[in-house]
Amino acid sequence: QARTLLSHGCEGFLATIHDMTPGIPSIYDQPIVSEFPDVFPDELPGIPPVREVEFNVELIPGAEPISKAPYRMAPVELKELKDQLQELLERGFIRPSVSP
């Protein structure tokens, strides 16, 4: 299509864009952190250590689990969510649930 337009006397321009933003976001990119820098440490130590269970949920004897997904999600959205969760697991920001 561009070739056809150029052959009919139209002007053409070529532009390139170079993204100069840093690849890894900083904690200081978050507005709330910038407002209160003395509250947030420079380096996050990671996720909290594994602790004993401090609460429990009382279940009704004989109750059946809900068989419907709590949130409906398009397959594309579900794949993106799974990819993001896997990345967070690999980076150590989250860990698998160990609920009984």
PDB file of N, CA and C in Angstrom:
ATOM      1  N   GLN A   1       0.834  -1.187   0.000  1.00  0.00           N
ATOM      2  CA  GLN A   1       0.000   0.000   0.000  1.00  0.00           C
ATOM      3  C   GLN A   1       0.882   1.255   0.000  1.00  0.00           C
ATOM      4  N   ALA A   2       1.961   1.234   0.777  1.00  0.00           N
ATOM      5  CA  ALA A   2       2.854   2.388   0.808  1.00  0.00           C
ATOM      6  C   ALA A   2       3.498   2.600  -0.552  1.00  0.00           C
ATOM      7  N   ARG A   3       3.887   1.507  -1.190  1.00  0.00           N
ATOM      8  CA  ARG A   3       4.512   1.605  -2.507  1.00  0.00           C
ATOM      9  C   ARG A   3       3.552   2.246  -3.508  1.00  0.00           C
ATOM     10  N   THR A   4       2.281   1.855  -3.456  1.00  0.00           N
ATOM     11  CA  THR A   4       1.276   2.411  -4.368  1.00  0.00           C
ATOM     12  C   THR A   4       1.113   3.905  -4.141  1.00  0.00           C
ATOM     13  N   LEU A   5       1.035   4.302  -2.883  1.00  0.00           N
ATOM     14  CA  LEU A   5       0.878   5.725  -2.573  1.00  0.00           C
ATOM     15  C   LEU A   5       2.092   6.523  -3.033  1.00  0.00           C
ATOM     16  N   LEU A   6       3.292   5.976  -2.813  1.00  0.00           N
ATOM     17  CA  LEU A   6       4.499   6.677  -3.243  1.00  0.00           C
ATOM     18  C   LEU A   6       4.554   6.801  -4.761  1.00  0.00           C
ATOM     19  N   SER A   7       4.098   5.770  -5.473  1.00  0.00           N
ATOM     20  CA  SER A   7       4.118   5.829  -6.937  1.00  0.00           C
ATOM     21  C   SER A   7       3.114   6.848  -7.477  1.00  0.00           C
ATOM     22  N   HIS A   8       2.121   7.215  -6.683  1.00  0.00           N
ATOM     23  CA  HIS A   8       1.150   8.236  -7.086  1.00  0.00           C
ATOM     24  C   HIS A   8       1.563   9.639  -6.637  1.00  0.00           C
ATOM     25  N   GLY A   9       2.792   9.789  -6.143  1.00  0.00           N
ATOM     26  CA  GLY A   9       3.301  11.110  -5.809  1.00  0.00           C
ATOM     27  C   GLY A   9       3.135  11.517  -4.357  1.00  0.00           C
ATOM     28  N   CYS A  10       2.635  10.627  -3.517  1.00  0.00           N
ATOM     29  CA  CYS A  10       2.483  10.960  -2.091  1.00  0.00           C
ATOM     30  C   CYS A  10       3.850  10.956  -1.415  1.00  0.00           C
ATOM     31  N   GLU A  11       3.971  11.776  -0.368  1.00  0.00           N
ATOM     32  CA  GLU A  11       5.210  11.807   0.396  1.00  0.00           C
ATOM     33  C   GLU A  11       5.195  10.693   1.433  1.00  0.00           C
ATOM     34  N   GLY A  12       6.353  10.150   1.719  1.00  0.00           N
ATOM     35  CA  GLY A  12       6.466   9.106   2.732  1.00  0.00           C
ATOM     36  C   GLY A  12       7.541   9.472   3.735  1.00  0.00           C
ATOM     37  N   PHE A  13       7.343   9.081   4.955  1.00  0.00           N
ATOM     38  CA  PHE A  13       8.298   9.359   6.023  1.00  0.00           C
ATOM     39  C   PHE A  13       8.597   8.065   6.768  1.00  0.00           C
ATOM     40  N   LEU A  14       9.822   7.925   7.216  1.00  0.00           N
ATOM     41  CA  LEU A  14      10.231   6.767   7.990  1.00  0.00           C
ATOM     42  C   LEU A  14      10.706   7.264   9.343  1.00  0.00           C
ATOM     43  N   ALA A  15      10.185   6.692  10.398  1.00  0.00           N
ATOM     44  CA  ALA A  15      10.570   7.097  11.752  1.00  0.00           C
ATOM     45  C   ALA A  15      10.880   5.852  12.569  1.00  0.00           C
ATOM     46  N   THR A  16      11.789   6.005  13.506  1.00  0.00           N
ATOM     47  CA  THR A  16      12.078   4.917  14.441  1.00  0.00           C
ATOM     48  C   THR A  16      11.903   5.440  15.857  1.00  0.00           C
ATOM     49  N   ILE A  17      11.539   4.549  16.739  1.00  0.00           N
ATOM     50  CA  ILE A  17      11.332   4.910  18.139  1.00  0.00           C
ATOM     51  C   ILE A  17      12.213   4.007  18.985  1.00  0.00           C
ATOM     52  N   HIS A  18      12.877   4.609  19.950  1.00  0.00           N
ATOM     53  CA  HIS A  18      13.717   3.846  20.865  1.00  0.00           C
ATOM     54  C   HIS A  18      13.203   4.085  22.277  1.00  0.00           C
ATOM     55  N   ASP A  19      12.762   3.023  22.952  1.00  0.00           N
ATOM     56  CA  ASP A  19      12.229   3.125  24.305  1.00  0.00           C
ATOM     57  C   ASP A  19      13.388   3.290  25.282  1.00  0.00           C
ATOM     58  N   MET A  20      13.427   4.410  25.981  1.00  0.00           N
ATOM     59  CA  MET A  20      14.519   4.705  26.903  1.00  0.00           C
ATOM     60  C   MET A  20      14.139   4.444  28.361  1.00  0.00           C
ATOM     61  N   THR A  21      12.946   3.920  28.620  1.00  0.00           N
ATOM     62  CA  THR A  21      12.539   3.665  29.996  1.00  0.00           C
ATOM     63  C   THR A  21      13.324   2.478  30.540  1.00  0.00           C
ATOM     64  N   PRO A  22      13.636   2.515  31.832  1.00  0.00           N
ATOM     65  CA  PRO A  22      14.401   1.402  32.407  1.00  0.00           C
ATOM     66  C   PRO A  22      13.587   0.115  32.377  1.00  0.00           C
ATOM     67  N   GLY A  23      14.284  -0.998  32.249  1.00  0.00           N
ATOM     68  CA  GLY A  23      13.615  -2.286  32.142  1.00  0.00           C
ATOM     69  C   GLY A  23      13.016  -2.772  33.449  1.00  0.00           C
ATOM     70  N   ILE A  24      13.667  -2.499  34.575  1.00  0.00           N
ATOM     71  CA  ILE A  24      13.179  -2.986  35.858  1.00  0.00           C
ATOM     72  C   ILE A  24      12.595  -1.808  36.637  1.00  0.00           C
ATOM     73  N   PRO A  25      11.298  -1.874  36.964  1.00  0.00           N
ATOM     74  CA  PRO A  25      10.698  -0.764  37.705  1.00  0.00           C
ATOM     75  C   PRO A  25      11.258  -0.688  39.124  1.00  0.00           C
ATOM     76  N   SER A  26      11.312   0.509  39.626  1.00  0.00           N
ATOM     77  CA  SER A  26      11.804   0.748  40.975  1.00  0.00           C
ATOM     78  C   SER A  26      10.625   0.910  41.919  1.00  0.00           C
ATOM     79  N   ILE A  27      10.860   0.625  43.185  1.00  0.00           N
ATOM     80  CA  ILE A  27       9.806   0.829  44.176  1.00  0.00           C
ATOM     81  C   ILE A  27       9.426   2.307  44.243  1.00  0.00           C
ATOM     82  N   TYR A  28      10.375   3.181  43.914  1.00  0.00           N
ATOM     83  CA  TYR A  28      10.105   4.619  43.973  1.00  0.00           C
ATOM     84  C   TYR A  28       9.274   5.111  42.790  1.00  0.00           C
ATOM     85  N   ASP A  29       8.974   4.219  41.830  1.00  0.00           N
ATOM     86  CA  ASP A  29       8.073   4.577  40.738  1.00  0.00           C
ATOM     87  C   ASP A  29       6.632   4.659  41.224  1.00  0.00           C
ATOM     88  N   GLN A  30       6.352   4.088  42.384  1.00  0.00           N
ATOM     89  CA  GLN A  30       5.001   4.116  42.937  1.00  0.00           C
ATOM     90  C   GLN A  30       4.784   5.450  43.653  1.00  0.00           C
ATOM     91  N   PRO A  31       3.697   6.161  43.325  1.00  0.00           N
ATOM     92  CA  PRO A  31       3.465   7.487  43.919  1.00  0.00           C
ATOM     93  C   PRO A  31       3.439   7.479  45.445  1.00  0.00           C
ATOM     94  N   ILE A  32       2.809   6.488  46.055  1.00  0.00           N
ATOM     95  CA  ILE A  32       2.695   6.479  47.518  1.00  0.00           C
ATOM     96  C   ILE A  32       4.062   6.319  48.173  1.00  0.00           C
ATOM     97  N   VAL A  33       4.961   5.569  47.536  1.00  0.00           N
ATOM     98  CA  VAL A  33       6.307   5.384  48.079  1.00  0.00           C
ATOM     99  C   VAL A  33       7.084   6.689  48.000  1.00  0.00           C
ATOM    100  N   SER A  34       6.888   7.436  46.924  1.00  0.00           N
ATOM    101  CA  SER A  34       7.570   8.720  46.777  1.00  0.00           C
ATOM    102  C   SER A  34       7.109   9.723  47.828  1.00  0.00           C
ATOM    103  N   GLU A  35       5.843   9.621  48.235  1.00  0.00           N
ATOM    104  CA  GLU A  35       5.313  10.547  49.238  1.00  0.00           C
ATOM    105  C   GLU A  35       5.847  10.245  50.637  1.00  0.00           C
ATOM    106  N   PHE A  36       6.136   8.980  50.928  1.00  0.00           N
ATOM    107  CA  PHE A  36       6.572   8.577  52.261  1.00  0.00           C
ATOM    108  C   PHE A  36       7.845   7.731  52.183  1.00  0.00           C
ATOM    109  N   PRO A  37       8.963   8.319  51.729  1.00  0.00           N
ATOM    110  CA  PRO A  37      10.181   7.525  51.532  1.00  0.00           C
ATOM    111  C   PRO A  37      10.775   6.972  52.826  1.00  0.00           C
ATOM    112  N   ASP A  38      10.506   7.628  53.980  1.00  0.00           N
ATOM    113  CA  ASP A  38      11.077   7.155  55.237  1.00  0.00           C
ATOM    114  C   ASP A  38      10.380   5.903  55.771  1.00  0.00           C
ATOM    115  N   VAL A  39       9.224   5.564  55.214  1.00  0.00           N
ATOM    116  CA  VAL A  39       8.467   4.397  55.672  1.00  0.00           C
ATOM    117  C   VAL A  39       8.913   3.127  54.957  1.00  0.00           C
ATOM    118  N   PHE A  40       9.322   3.247  53.703  1.00  0.00           N
ATOM    119  CA  PHE A  40       9.648   2.082  52.888  1.00  0.00           C
ATOM    120  C   PHE A  40      11.158   1.880  52.810  1.00  0.00           C
ATOM    121  N   PRO A  41      11.626   0.637  53.017  1.00  0.00           N
ATOM    122  CA  PRO A  41      13.071   0.380  52.913  1.00  0.00           C
ATOM    123  C   PRO A  41      13.531   0.433  51.459  1.00  0.00           C
ATOM    124  N   ASP A  42      14.827   0.665  51.266  1.00  0.00           N
ATOM    125  CA  ASP A  42      15.381   0.700  49.909  1.00  0.00           C
ATOM    126  C   ASP A  42      15.309  -0.668  49.250  1.00  0.00           C
ATOM    127  N   GLU A  43      15.587  -1.707  50.000  1.00  0.00           N
ATOM    128  CA  GLU A  43      15.545  -3.069  49.471  1.00  0.00           C
ATOM    129  C   GLU A  43      14.478  -3.850  50.216  1.00  0.00           C
ATOM    130  N   LEU A  44      13.648  -4.546  49.468  1.00  0.00           N
ATOM    131  CA  LEU A  44      12.649  -5.394  50.094  1.00  0.00           C
ATOM    132  C   LEU A  44      13.283  -6.752  50.376  1.00  0.00           C
ATOM    133  N   PRO A  45      13.147  -7.258  51.597  1.00  0.00           N
ATOM    134  CA  PRO A  45      13.813  -8.511  51.945  1.00  0.00           C
ATOM    135  C   PRO A  45      13.191  -9.745  51.302  1.00  0.00           C
ATOM    136  N   GLY A  46      11.997  -9.628  50.770  1.00  0.00           N
ATOM    137  CA  GLY A  46      11.319 -10.781  50.178  1.00  0.00           C
ATOM    138  C   GLY A  46      10.005 -11.020  50.889  1.00  0.00           C
ATOM    139  N   ILE A  47       9.469 -12.209  50.707  1.00  0.00           N
ATOM    140  CA  ILE A  47       8.198 -12.514  51.347  1.00  0.00           C
ATOM    141  C   ILE A  47       8.447 -12.927  52.791  1.00  0.00           C
ATOM    142  N   PRO A  48       7.449 -12.789  53.657  1.00  0.00           N
ATOM    143  CA  PRO A  48       7.650 -13.132  55.067  1.00  0.00           C
ATOM    144  C   PRO A  48       7.976 -14.612  55.236  1.00  0.00           C
ATOM    145  N   PRO A  49       8.652 -14.953  56.330  1.00  0.00           N
ATOM    146  CA  PRO A  49       8.972 -16.361  56.564  1.00  0.00           C
ATOM    147  C   PRO A  49       7.706 -17.171  56.836  1.00  0.00           C
ATOM    148  N   VAL A  50       7.815 -18.476  56.671  1.00  0.00           N
ATOM    149  CA  VAL A  50       6.690 -19.365  56.943  1.00  0.00           C
ATOM    150  C   VAL A  50       6.428 -19.343  58.446  1.00  0.00           C
ATOM    151  N   ARG A  51       5.160 -19.147  58.809  1.00  0.00           N
ATOM    152  CA  ARG A  51       4.782 -19.088  60.222  1.00  0.00           C
ATOM    153  C   ARG A  51       3.685 -20.098  60.493  1.00  0.00           C
ATOM    154  N   GLU A  52       3.438 -20.324  61.780  1.00  0.00           N
ATOM    155  CA  GLU A  52       2.342 -21.211  62.143  1.00  0.00           C
ATOM    156  C   GLU A  52       1.020 -20.551  61.784  1.00  0.00           C
ATOM    157  N   VAL A  53       0.006 -21.378  61.576  1.00  0.00           N
ATOM    158  CA  VAL A  53      -1.320 -20.869  61.247  1.00  0.00           C
ATOM    159  C   VAL A  53      -1.868 -20.121  62.453  1.00  0.00           C
ATOM    160  N   GLU A  54      -2.322 -18.893  62.238  1.00  0.00           N
ATOM    161  CA  GLU A  54      -2.842 -18.069  63.324  1.00  0.00           C
ATOM    162  C   GLU A  54      -4.363 -18.004  63.325  1.00  0.00           C
ATOM    163  N   PHE A  55      -5.006 -18.635  62.361  1.00  0.00           N
ATOM    164  CA  PHE A  55      -6.466 -18.609  62.298  1.00  0.00           C
ATOM    165  C   PHE A  55      -6.937 -19.868  61.585  1.00  0.00           C
ATOM    166  N   ASN A  56      -8.224 -20.125  61.687  1.00  0.00           N
ATOM    167  CA  ASN A  56      -8.793 -21.234  60.939  1.00  0.00           C
ATOM    168  C   ASN A  56     -10.222 -20.876  60.558  1.00  0.00           C
ATOM    169  N   VAL A  57     -10.766 -21.627  59.649  1.00  0.00           N
ATOM    170  CA  VAL A  57     -12.132 -21.419  59.184  1.00  0.00           C
ATOM    171  C   VAL A  57     -12.945 -22.620  59.625  1.00  0.00           C
ATOM    172  N   GLU A  58     -13.980 -22.363  60.382  1.00  0.00           N
ATOM    173  CA  GLU A  58     -14.851 -23.445  60.836  1.00  0.00           C
ATOM    174  C   GLU A  58     -15.744 -23.873  59.677  1.00  0.00           C
ATOM    175  N   LEU A  59     -15.710 -25.156  59.336  1.00  0.00           N
ATOM    176  CA  LEU A  59     -16.517 -25.678  58.245  1.00  0.00           C
ATOM    177  C   LEU A  59     -17.770 -26.339  58.789  1.00  0.00           C
ATOM    178  N   ILE A  60     -18.840 -26.259  58.024  1.00  0.00           N
ATOM    179  CA  ILE A  60     -20.093 -26.903  58.391  1.00  0.00           C
ATOM    180  C   ILE A  60     -19.993 -28.366  57.975  1.00  0.00           C
ATOM    181  N   PRO A  61     -20.196 -29.301  58.909  1.00  0.00           N
ATOM    182  CA  PRO A  61     -20.093 -30.722  58.551  1.00  0.00           C
ATOM    183  C   PRO A  61     -21.089 -31.093  57.455  1.00  0.00           C
ATOM    184  N   GLY A  62     -20.608 -31.803  56.449  1.00  0.00           N
ATOM    185  CA  GLY A  62     -21.460 -32.254  55.355  1.00  0.00           C
ATOM    186  C   GLY A  62     -21.698 -31.226  54.265  1.00  0.00           C
ATOM    187  N   ALA A  63     -21.168 -30.025  54.416  1.00  0.00           N
ATOM    188  CA  ALA A  63     -21.371 -28.986  53.397  1.00  0.00           C
ATOM    189  C   ALA A  63     -20.564 -29.334  52.150  1.00  0.00           C
ATOM    190  N   GLU A  64     -21.134 -29.080  50.988  1.00  0.00           N
ATOM    191  CA  GLU A  64     -20.482 -29.344  49.710  1.00  0.00           C
ATOM    192  C   GLU A  64     -19.745 -28.093  49.235  1.00  0.00           C
ATOM    193  N   PRO A  65     -18.589 -28.250  48.625  1.00  0.00           N
ATOM    194  CA  PRO A  65     -17.906 -27.073  48.069  1.00  0.00           C
ATOM    195  C   PRO A  65     -18.680 -26.505  46.887  1.00  0.00           C
ATOM    196  N   ILE A  66     -18.520 -25.233  46.675  1.00  0.00           N
ATOM    197  CA  ILE A  66     -19.179 -24.571  45.552  1.00  0.00           C
ATOM    198  C   ILE A  66     -18.536 -25.074  44.267  1.00  0.00           C
ATOM    199  N   SER A  67     -19.358 -25.492  43.314  1.00  0.00           N
ATOM    200  CA  SER A  67     -18.823 -26.081  42.087  1.00  0.00           C
ATOM    201  C   SER A  67     -18.675 -25.071  40.960  1.00  0.00           C
ATOM    202  N   LYS A  68     -18.899 -23.819  41.230  1.00  0.00           N
ATOM    203  CA  LYS A  68     -18.808 -22.781  40.202  1.00  0.00           C
ATOM    204  C   LYS A  68     -17.576 -21.920  40.470  1.00  0.00           C
ATOM    205  N   ALA A  69     -16.880 -21.542  39.423  1.00  0.00           N
ATOM    206  CA  ALA A  69     -15.717 -20.671  39.577  1.00  0.00           C
ATOM    207  C   ALA A  69     -16.164 -19.324  40.143  1.00  0.00           C
ATOM    208  N   PRO A  70     -15.432 -18.777  41.123  1.00  0.00           N
ATOM    209  CA  PRO A  70     -15.856 -17.512  41.720  1.00  0.00           C
ATOM    210  C   PRO A  70     -15.800 -16.338  40.743  1.00  0.00           C
ATOM    211  N   TYR A  71     -14.873 -16.374  39.804  1.00  0.00           N
ATOM    212  CA  TYR A  71     -14.751 -15.305  38.821  1.00  0.00           C
ATOM    213  C   TYR A  71     -14.659 -15.931  37.438  1.00  0.00           C
ATOM    214  N   ARG A  72     -15.473 -15.450  36.540  1.00  0.00           N
ATOM    215  CA  ARG A  72     -15.370 -15.939  35.165  1.00  0.00           C
ATOM    216  C   ARG A  72     -14.340 -15.091  34.434  1.00  0.00           C
ATOM    217  N   MET A  73     -13.539 -15.751  33.631  1.00  0.00           N
ATOM    218  CA  MET A  73     -12.452 -15.060  32.957  1.00  0.00           C
ATOM    219  C   MET A  73     -12.319 -15.622  31.548  1.00  0.00           C
ATOM    220  N   ALA A  74     -12.085 -14.741  30.609  1.00  0.00           N
ATOM    221  CA  ALA A  74     -11.861 -15.171  29.229  1.00  0.00           C
ATOM    222  C   ALA A  74     -10.579 -16.008  29.179  1.00  0.00           C
ATOM    223  N   PRO A  75     -10.493 -16.978  28.276  1.00  0.00           N
ATOM    224  CA  PRO A  75      -9.292 -17.823  28.191  1.00  0.00           C
ATOM    225  C   PRO A  75      -8.000 -17.023  28.032  1.00  0.00           C
ATOM    226  N   VAL A  76      -8.047 -15.944  27.279  1.00  0.00           N
ATOM    227  CA  VAL A  76      -6.842 -15.119  27.088  1.00  0.00           C
ATOM    228  C   VAL A  76      -6.435 -14.478  28.413  1.00  0.00           C
ATOM    229  N   GLU A  77      -7.428 -13.980  29.164  1.00  0.00           N
ATOM    230  CA  GLU A  77      -7.134 -13.368  30.462  1.00  0.00           C
ATOM    231  C   GLU A  77      -6.595 -14.409  31.441  1.00  0.00           C
ATOM    232  N   LEU A  78      -7.174 -15.610  31.426  1.00  0.00           N
ATOM    233  CA  LEU A  78      -6.726 -16.669  32.318  1.00  0.00           C
ATOM    234  C   LEU A  78      -5.281 -17.061  32.011  1.00  0.00           C
ATOM    235  N   LYS A  79      -4.930 -17.149  30.730  1.00  0.00           N
ATOM    236  CA  LYS A  79      -3.556 -17.483  30.353  1.00  0.00           C
ATOM    237  C   LYS A  79      -2.597 -16.403  30.837  1.00  0.00           C
ATOM    238  N   GLU A  80      -2.966 -15.129  30.666  1.00  0.00           N
ATOM    239  CA  GLU A  80      -2.116 -14.024  31.120  1.00  0.00           C
ATOM    240  C   GLU A  80      -1.936 -14.076  32.637  1.00  0.00           C
ATOM    241  N   LEU A  81      -3.018 -14.343  33.362  1.00  0.00           N
ATOM    242  CA  LEU A  81      -2.937 -14.446  34.819  1.00  0.00           C
ATOM    243  C   LEU A  81      -2.000 -15.578  35.228  1.00  0.00           C
ATOM    244  N   LYS A  82      -2.135 -16.737  34.592  1.00  0.00           N
ATOM    245  CA  LYS A  82      -1.267 -17.872  34.913  1.00  0.00           C
ATOM    246  C   LYS A  82       0.195 -17.553  34.607  1.00  0.00           C
ATOM    247  N   ASP A  83       0.450 -16.871  33.493  1.00  0.00           N
ATOM    248  CA  ASP A  83       1.823 -16.484  33.140  1.00  0.00           C
ATOM    249  C   ASP A  83       2.408 -15.536  34.184  1.00  0.00           C
ATOM    250  N   GLN A  84       1.601 -14.559  34.621  1.00  0.00           N
ATOM    251  CA  GLN A  84       2.076 -13.600  35.621  1.00  0.00           C
ATOM    252  C   GLN A  84       2.339 -14.292  36.957  1.00  0.00           C
ATOM    253  N   LEU A  85       1.450 -15.210  37.351  1.00  0.00           N
ATOM    254  CA  LEU A  85       1.655 -15.939  38.600  1.00  0.00           C
ATOM    255  C   LEU A  85       2.919 -16.789  38.536  1.00  0.00           C
ATOM    256  N   GLN A  86       3.157 -17.440  37.409  1.00  0.00           N
ATOM    257  CA  GLN A  86       4.361 -18.255  37.254  1.00  0.00           C
ATOM    258  C   GLN A  86       5.616 -17.394  37.366  1.00  0.00           C
ATOM    259  N   GLU A  87       5.585 -16.213  36.759  1.00  0.00           N
ATOM    260  CA  GLU A  87       6.738 -15.310  36.838  1.00  0.00           C
ATOM    261  C   GLU A  87       6.981 -14.869  38.280  1.00  0.00           C
ATOM    262  N   LEU A  88       5.908 -14.542  39.008  1.00  0.00           N
ATOM    263  CA  LEU A  88       6.052 -14.137  40.407  1.00  0.00           C
ATOM    264  C   LEU A  88       6.582 -15.286  41.264  1.00  0.00           C
ATOM    265  N   LEU A  89       6.144 -16.512  40.975  1.00  0.00           N
ATOM    266  CA  LEU A  89       6.672 -17.681  41.686  1.00  0.00           C
ATOM    267  C   LEU A  89       8.167 -17.837  41.433  1.00  0.00           C
ATOM    268  N   GLU A  90       8.570 -17.722  40.171  1.00  0.00           N
ATOM    269  CA  GLU A  90       9.979 -17.892  39.806  1.00  0.00           C
ATOM    270  C   GLU A  90      10.858 -16.817  40.432  1.00  0.00           C
ATOM    271  N   ARG A  91      10.335 -15.598  40.575  1.00  0.00           N
ATOM    272  CA  ARG A  91      11.110 -14.502  41.158  1.00  0.00           C
ATOM    273  C   ARG A  91      11.111 -14.544  42.683  1.00  0.00           C
ATOM    274  N   GLY A  92      10.263 -15.387  43.267  1.00  0.00           N
ATOM    275  CA  GLY A  92      10.223 -15.509  44.722  1.00  0.00           C
ATOM    276  C   GLY A  92       9.348 -14.483  45.409  1.00  0.00           C
ATOM    277  N   PHE A  93       8.504 -13.781  44.668  1.00  0.00           N
ATOM    278  CA  PHE A  93       7.623 -12.785  45.274  1.00  0.00           C
ATOM    279  C   PHE A  93       6.390 -13.417  45.905  1.00  0.00           C
ATOM    280  N   ILE A  94       6.006 -14.596  45.433  1.00  0.00           N
ATOM    281  CA  ILE A  94       4.890 -15.337  46.008  1.00  0.00           C
ATOM    282  C   ILE A  94       5.316 -16.783  46.152  1.00  0.00           C
ATOM    283  N   ARG A  95       4.564 -17.549  46.928  1.00  0.00           N
ATOM    284  CA  ARG A  95       4.843 -18.975  47.059  1.00  0.00           C
ATOM    285  C   ARG A  95       3.528 -19.740  46.997  1.00  0.00           C
ATOM    286  N   PRO A  96       3.580 -21.025  46.658  1.00  0.00           N
ATOM    287  CA  PRO A  96       2.348 -21.814  46.566  1.00  0.00           C
ATOM    288  C   PRO A  96       1.662 -21.920  47.923  1.00  0.00           C
ATOM    289  N   SER A  97       0.357 -22.042  47.900  1.00  0.00           N
ATOM    290  CA  SER A  97      -0.413 -22.220  49.125  1.00  0.00           C
ATOM    291  C   SER A  97      -0.126 -23.595  49.709  1.00  0.00           C
ATOM    292  N   VAL A  98      -0.057 -23.653  51.020  1.00  0.00           N
ATOM    293  CA  VAL A  98       0.152 -24.929  51.696  1.00  0.00           C
ATOM    294  C   VAL A  98      -1.035 -25.235  52.606  1.00  0.00           C
ATOM    295  N   SER A  99      -2.212 -24.781  52.216  1.00  0.00           N
ATOM    296  CA  SER A  99      -3.411 -25.033  53.007  1.00  0.00           C
ATOM    297  C   SER A  99      -3.706 -26.525  53.034  1.00  0.00           C
ATOM    298  N   PRO A 100      -4.195 -27.017  54.181  1.00  0.00           N
ATOM    299  CA  PRO A 100      -4.489 -28.456  54.267  1.00  0.00           C
ATOM    300  C   PRO A 100      -5.646 -28.862  53.386  1.00  0.00           C
TER     301      PRO A 100
END
